[in-house]
């Protein structure tokens, strides 16, 4: 189930995961362990699902993995919004912007794969 769009999303999710790792490290340095842990899990698992979709067994399997990635993106957005709105948390606007782009790409990949 390989195509050019998939390669774009794979690269973007890898880049995002690396940024999340760095951001979560700074949260941990500020003793924000619970949020850092939740954000690290959801922020990196999306990339793993997209990467796994490269070897999907069928079109249905590919779409399923991409939908899981989209759900993880939604959860990641939740944790970023909490960081943004909480006192005492540094916030990385670039992460939220990158995530919005990834969500748009995921939506397009899912919808075009369905047709």
N, C-alpha and C. Protein backbone atom coordinates (compact mmCIF):
# COMPACT_ATOMS: atom_id res chain seq x y z
N UNK A 1 0.83 -1.18 0.00
CA UNK A 1 0.00 0.00 0.00
C UNK A 1 0.88 1.26 0.00
N UNK A 2 1.91 1.28 -0.79
CA UNK A 2 2.83 2.41 -0.78
C UNK A 2 2.43 3.45 -1.82
N UNK A 3 2.58 4.74 -1.44
CA UNK A 3 2.36 5.84 -2.36
C UNK A 3 3.13 7.06 -1.87
N UNK A 4 3.19 8.11 -2.69
CA UNK A 4 3.97 9.30 -2.33
C UNK A 4 3.43 9.99 -1.08
N UNK A 5 2.12 10.06 -0.94
CA UNK A 5 1.53 10.71 0.23
C UNK A 5 1.96 10.00 1.51
N UNK A 6 2.03 8.69 1.46
CA UNK A 6 2.43 7.93 2.63
C UNK A 6 3.84 8.33 3.05
N UNK A 7 4.74 8.50 2.08
CA UNK A 7 6.11 8.88 2.41
C UNK A 7 6.15 10.24 3.09
N UNK A 8 5.33 11.15 2.63
CA UNK A 8 5.26 12.48 3.24
C UNK A 8 4.81 12.36 4.70
N UNK A 9 3.76 11.60 4.93
CA UNK A 9 3.24 11.47 6.28
C UNK A 9 4.21 10.72 7.18
N UNK A 10 4.91 9.74 6.64
CA UNK A 10 5.92 9.02 7.43
C UNK A 10 6.99 10.00 7.90
N UNK A 11 7.51 10.80 6.99
CA UNK A 11 8.56 11.76 7.35
C UNK A 11 8.05 12.79 8.35
N UNK A 12 6.86 13.29 8.14
CA UNK A 12 6.31 14.31 9.04
C UNK A 12 6.07 13.74 10.43
N UNK A 13 5.61 12.49 10.51
CA UNK A 13 5.38 11.90 11.84
C UNK A 13 6.70 11.59 12.55
N UNK A 14 7.71 11.21 11.81
CA UNK A 14 9.02 10.99 12.43
C UNK A 14 9.57 12.31 12.97
N UNK A 15 9.51 13.36 12.16
CA UNK A 15 9.98 14.69 12.60
C UNK A 15 9.20 15.15 13.83
N UNK A 16 7.87 14.96 13.80
CA UNK A 16 7.05 15.37 14.93
C UNK A 16 7.42 14.57 16.18
N UNK A 17 7.60 13.28 16.04
CA UNK A 17 7.96 12.44 17.19
C UNK A 17 9.26 12.90 17.82
N UNK A 18 10.23 13.24 17.01
CA UNK A 18 11.51 13.73 17.53
C UNK A 18 11.31 15.04 18.29
N UNK A 19 10.46 15.92 17.77
CA UNK A 19 10.17 17.18 18.46
C UNK A 19 9.44 16.94 19.77
N UNK A 20 8.52 15.99 19.77
CA UNK A 20 7.79 15.65 21.01
C UNK A 20 8.74 15.09 22.06
N UNK A 21 9.66 14.25 21.64
CA UNK A 21 10.64 13.69 22.58
C UNK A 21 11.42 14.83 23.25
N UNK A 22 11.86 15.77 22.46
CA UNK A 22 12.62 16.92 23.00
C UNK A 22 11.75 17.75 23.94
N UNK A 23 10.51 18.04 23.53
CA UNK A 23 9.60 18.82 24.36
C UNK A 23 9.29 18.10 25.67
N UNK A 24 9.03 16.81 25.60
CA UNK A 24 8.72 16.05 26.82
C UNK A 24 9.91 15.98 27.76
N UNK A 25 11.09 15.96 27.21
CA UNK A 25 12.29 16.00 28.04
C UNK A 25 12.35 17.30 28.84
N UNK A 26 12.00 18.42 28.19
CA UNK A 26 12.00 19.69 28.91
C UNK A 26 10.87 19.73 29.94
N UNK A 27 9.72 19.10 29.63
CA UNK A 27 8.65 19.02 30.63
C UNK A 27 9.12 18.22 31.85
N UNK A 28 9.80 17.11 31.62
CA UNK A 28 10.31 16.30 32.72
C UNK A 28 11.33 17.07 33.55
N UNK A 29 12.15 17.87 32.88
CA UNK A 29 13.12 18.69 33.62
C UNK A 29 12.43 19.67 34.55
N UNK A 30 11.20 20.06 34.18
CA UNK A 30 10.39 20.96 35.01
C UNK A 30 9.41 20.20 35.90
N UNK A 31 9.66 18.89 36.04
CA UNK A 31 8.89 18.02 36.93
C UNK A 31 7.41 17.91 36.55
N UNK A 32 7.14 17.97 35.26
CA UNK A 32 5.77 17.79 34.74
C UNK A 32 5.67 16.37 34.18
N UNK A 33 5.89 15.39 35.05
CA UNK A 33 6.06 14.00 34.63
C UNK A 33 4.81 13.37 34.04
N UNK A 34 3.66 13.59 34.63
CA UNK A 34 2.44 12.93 34.17
C UNK A 34 2.09 13.37 32.75
N UNK A 35 2.06 14.66 32.53
CA UNK A 35 1.73 15.19 31.19
C UNK A 35 2.82 14.77 30.20
N UNK A 36 4.08 14.86 30.61
CA UNK A 36 5.18 14.48 29.72
C UNK A 36 5.02 13.02 29.28
N UNK A 37 4.68 12.15 30.20
CA UNK A 37 4.52 10.73 29.88
C UNK A 37 3.35 10.50 28.91
N UNK A 38 2.22 11.12 29.19
CA UNK A 38 1.05 10.95 28.32
C UNK A 38 1.31 11.51 26.92
N UNK A 39 1.91 12.68 26.87
CA UNK A 39 2.20 13.33 25.59
C UNK A 39 3.24 12.54 24.80
N UNK A 40 4.23 12.01 25.49
CA UNK A 40 5.26 11.21 24.82
C UNK A 40 4.65 9.97 24.18
N UNK A 41 3.75 9.30 24.90
CA UNK A 41 3.12 8.10 24.35
C UNK A 41 2.26 8.41 23.13
N UNK A 42 1.35 9.37 23.27
CA UNK A 42 0.45 9.66 22.15
C UNK A 42 1.17 10.35 21.00
N UNK A 43 2.16 11.16 21.33
CA UNK A 43 2.88 11.92 20.31
C UNK A 43 3.80 11.08 19.45
N UNK A 44 4.22 9.94 19.95
CA UNK A 44 5.12 9.08 19.17
C UNK A 44 4.41 7.85 18.60
N UNK A 45 3.32 7.43 19.22
CA UNK A 45 2.65 6.21 18.73
C UNK A 45 2.01 6.43 17.37
N UNK A 46 1.58 7.64 17.07
CA UNK A 46 1.00 7.93 15.76
C UNK A 46 2.01 7.60 14.67
N UNK A 47 3.23 8.00 14.86
CA UNK A 47 4.27 7.72 13.88
C UNK A 47 4.49 6.23 13.70
N UNK A 48 4.41 5.49 14.81
CA UNK A 48 4.58 4.04 14.72
C UNK A 48 3.45 3.41 13.91
N UNK A 49 2.23 3.90 14.08
CA UNK A 49 1.10 3.37 13.31
C UNK A 49 1.23 3.70 11.84
N UNK A 50 1.65 4.91 11.53
CA UNK A 50 1.84 5.31 10.13
C UNK A 50 2.96 4.48 9.51
N UNK A 51 4.02 4.29 10.27
CA UNK A 51 5.15 3.50 9.77
C UNK A 51 4.73 2.05 9.53
N UNK A 52 3.93 1.52 10.44
CA UNK A 52 3.44 0.16 10.30
C UNK A 52 2.51 0.02 9.09
N UNK A 53 1.79 1.07 8.76
CA UNK A 53 0.87 1.05 7.62
C UNK A 53 1.61 0.84 6.30
N UNK A 54 2.89 1.14 6.28
CA UNK A 54 3.67 0.92 5.06
C UNK A 54 3.64 -0.55 4.64
N UNK A 55 3.46 -1.43 5.60
CA UNK A 55 3.44 -2.86 5.33
C UNK A 55 2.06 -3.47 5.58
N UNK A 56 1.03 -2.68 5.35
CA UNK A 56 -0.33 -3.16 5.56
C UNK A 56 -0.61 -4.37 4.67
N UNK A 57 -1.43 -5.26 5.20
CA UNK A 57 -1.77 -6.48 4.47
C UNK A 57 -2.83 -6.25 3.40
N UNK A 58 -3.58 -5.17 3.54
CA UNK A 58 -4.64 -4.87 2.59
C UNK A 58 -4.97 -3.39 2.68
N UNK A 59 -5.82 -2.95 1.77
CA UNK A 59 -6.27 -1.55 1.80
C UNK A 59 -7.05 -1.28 3.09
N UNK A 60 -7.85 -2.23 3.51
CA UNK A 60 -8.63 -2.09 4.75
C UNK A 60 -7.69 -1.97 5.95
N UNK A 61 -6.66 -2.79 5.98
CA UNK A 61 -5.68 -2.74 7.06
C UNK A 61 -4.95 -1.40 7.07
N UNK A 62 -4.59 -0.92 5.88
CA UNK A 62 -3.92 0.38 5.74
C UNK A 62 -4.81 1.49 6.31
N UNK A 63 -6.07 1.52 5.91
CA UNK A 63 -7.00 2.54 6.39
C UNK A 63 -7.17 2.44 7.90
N UNK A 64 -7.28 1.24 8.42
CA UNK A 64 -7.42 1.03 9.87
C UNK A 64 -6.23 1.61 10.63
N UNK A 65 -5.03 1.33 10.17
CA UNK A 65 -3.83 1.85 10.83
C UNK A 65 -3.78 3.37 10.77
N UNK A 66 -4.19 3.93 9.64
CA UNK A 66 -4.21 5.38 9.51
C UNK A 66 -5.27 6.01 10.42
N UNK A 67 -6.39 5.32 10.59
CA UNK A 67 -7.43 5.82 11.51
C UNK A 67 -6.94 5.80 12.95
N UNK A 68 -6.20 4.76 13.31
CA UNK A 68 -5.60 4.72 14.66
C UNK A 68 -4.63 5.89 14.82
N UNK A 69 -3.83 6.16 13.80
CA UNK A 69 -2.90 7.29 13.84
C UNK A 69 -3.66 8.60 14.03
N UNK A 70 -4.80 8.74 13.36
CA UNK A 70 -5.61 9.96 13.49
C UNK A 70 -6.16 10.10 14.91
N UNK A 71 -6.57 8.98 15.51
CA UNK A 71 -7.05 9.02 16.90
C UNK A 71 -5.93 9.44 17.85
N UNK A 72 -4.74 8.92 17.62
CA UNK A 72 -3.60 9.30 18.44
C UNK A 72 -3.26 10.78 18.27
N UNK A 73 -3.44 11.28 17.06
CA UNK A 73 -3.20 12.71 16.80
C UNK A 73 -4.18 13.55 17.61
N UNK A 74 -5.42 13.10 17.66
CA UNK A 74 -6.44 13.81 18.44
C UNK A 74 -6.08 13.82 19.93
N UNK A 75 -5.61 12.68 20.44
CA UNK A 75 -5.20 12.62 21.84
C UNK A 75 -4.00 13.54 22.10
N UNK A 76 -3.07 13.54 21.17
CA UNK A 76 -1.89 14.41 21.31
C UNK A 76 -2.31 15.87 21.37
N UNK A 77 -3.27 16.24 20.53
CA UNK A 77 -3.78 17.61 20.54
C UNK A 77 -4.36 17.96 21.91
N UNK A 78 -5.07 17.03 22.50
CA UNK A 78 -5.63 17.24 23.84
C UNK A 78 -4.53 17.58 24.85
N UNK A 79 -3.45 16.78 24.87
CA UNK A 79 -2.37 17.02 25.82
C UNK A 79 -1.66 18.34 25.54
N UNK A 80 -1.51 18.68 24.27
CA UNK A 80 -0.88 19.97 23.93
C UNK A 80 -1.76 21.15 24.37
N UNK A 81 -3.06 21.01 24.22
CA UNK A 81 -3.97 22.07 24.67
C UNK A 81 -3.87 22.24 26.18
N UNK A 82 -3.77 21.13 26.92
CA UNK A 82 -3.59 21.23 28.37
C UNK A 82 -2.30 21.98 28.71
N UNK A 83 -1.23 21.67 28.01
CA UNK A 83 0.04 22.37 28.25
C UNK A 83 -0.10 23.86 27.93
N UNK A 84 -0.77 24.14 26.85
CA UNK A 84 -0.95 25.53 26.40
C UNK A 84 -1.75 26.35 27.43
N UNK A 85 -2.76 25.73 28.01
CA UNK A 85 -3.67 26.46 28.90
C UNK A 85 -3.31 26.39 30.38
N UNK A 86 -2.34 25.56 30.73
CA UNK A 86 -1.97 25.39 32.14
C UNK A 86 -0.90 26.39 32.54
N UNK A 87 -1.06 26.92 33.75
CA UNK A 87 -0.04 27.80 34.30
C UNK A 87 1.20 26.97 34.63
N UNK A 88 2.36 27.54 34.41
CA UNK A 88 3.59 26.89 34.78
C UNK A 88 4.13 25.91 33.74
N UNK A 89 3.48 25.83 32.59
CA UNK A 89 3.95 24.95 31.52
C UNK A 89 4.47 25.81 30.38
N UNK A 90 5.68 25.50 29.94
CA UNK A 90 6.15 26.15 28.73
C UNK A 90 5.41 25.50 27.57
N UNK A 91 5.13 26.24 26.54
CA UNK A 91 4.35 25.68 25.43
C UNK A 91 5.07 25.93 24.11
N UNK A 92 5.07 24.91 23.27
CA UNK A 92 5.71 24.97 21.96
C UNK A 92 4.62 25.11 20.90
N UNK A 93 4.39 26.32 20.42
CA UNK A 93 3.37 26.57 19.40
C UNK A 93 3.65 25.78 18.13
N UNK A 94 4.91 25.61 17.80
CA UNK A 94 5.29 24.88 16.60
C UNK A 94 4.78 23.44 16.60
N UNK A 95 4.73 22.82 17.78
CA UNK A 95 4.21 21.44 17.87
C UNK A 95 2.74 21.40 17.46
N UNK A 96 1.97 22.35 17.96
CA UNK A 96 0.54 22.37 17.64
C UNK A 96 0.32 22.62 16.15
N UNK A 97 1.12 23.50 15.57
CA UNK A 97 1.02 23.77 14.13
C UNK A 97 1.41 22.55 13.30
N UNK A 98 2.48 21.89 13.69
CA UNK A 98 2.91 20.67 12.98
C UNK A 98 1.86 19.59 13.08
N UNK A 99 1.27 19.46 14.26
CA UNK A 99 0.23 18.46 14.47
C UNK A 99 -0.98 18.74 13.60
N UNK A 100 -1.37 20.01 13.47
CA UNK A 100 -2.51 20.37 12.63
C UNK A 100 -2.25 19.95 11.18
N UNK A 101 -1.02 20.15 10.72
CA UNK A 101 -0.67 19.74 9.36
C UNK A 101 -0.74 18.21 9.20
N UNK A 102 -0.24 17.50 10.19
CA UNK A 102 -0.28 16.03 10.15
C UNK A 102 -1.73 15.54 10.15
N UNK A 103 -2.58 16.15 10.95
CA UNK A 103 -3.99 15.76 10.98
C UNK A 103 -4.64 15.97 9.62
N UNK A 104 -4.34 17.10 8.96
CA UNK A 104 -4.88 17.36 7.61
C UNK A 104 -4.41 16.29 6.63
N UNK A 105 -3.14 15.95 6.68
CA UNK A 105 -2.59 14.95 5.75
C UNK A 105 -3.22 13.58 6.03
N UNK A 106 -3.32 13.21 7.30
CA UNK A 106 -3.94 11.94 7.65
C UNK A 106 -5.37 11.86 7.13
N UNK A 107 -6.11 12.95 7.29
CA UNK A 107 -7.49 12.98 6.81
C UNK A 107 -7.56 12.77 5.31
N UNK A 108 -6.65 13.41 4.58
CA UNK A 108 -6.62 13.26 3.12
C UNK A 108 -6.23 11.84 2.71
N UNK A 109 -5.24 11.28 3.40
CA UNK A 109 -4.82 9.91 3.11
C UNK A 109 -5.96 8.94 3.33
N UNK A 110 -6.65 9.10 4.46
CA UNK A 110 -7.77 8.20 4.79
C UNK A 110 -8.89 8.34 3.76
N UNK A 111 -9.29 9.59 3.46
CA UNK A 111 -10.39 9.77 2.52
C UNK A 111 -10.05 9.31 1.11
N UNK A 112 -8.81 9.57 0.67
CA UNK A 112 -8.44 9.14 -0.70
C UNK A 112 -8.26 7.62 -0.76
N UNK A 113 -7.90 6.99 0.34
CA UNK A 113 -7.74 5.54 0.36
C UNK A 113 -9.08 4.83 0.33
N UNK A 114 -10.11 5.50 0.85
CA UNK A 114 -11.44 4.91 0.87
C UNK A 114 -12.08 4.89 -0.52
N UNK A 115 -11.67 5.83 -1.39
CA UNK A 115 -12.30 5.89 -2.71
C UNK A 115 -11.59 5.07 -3.75
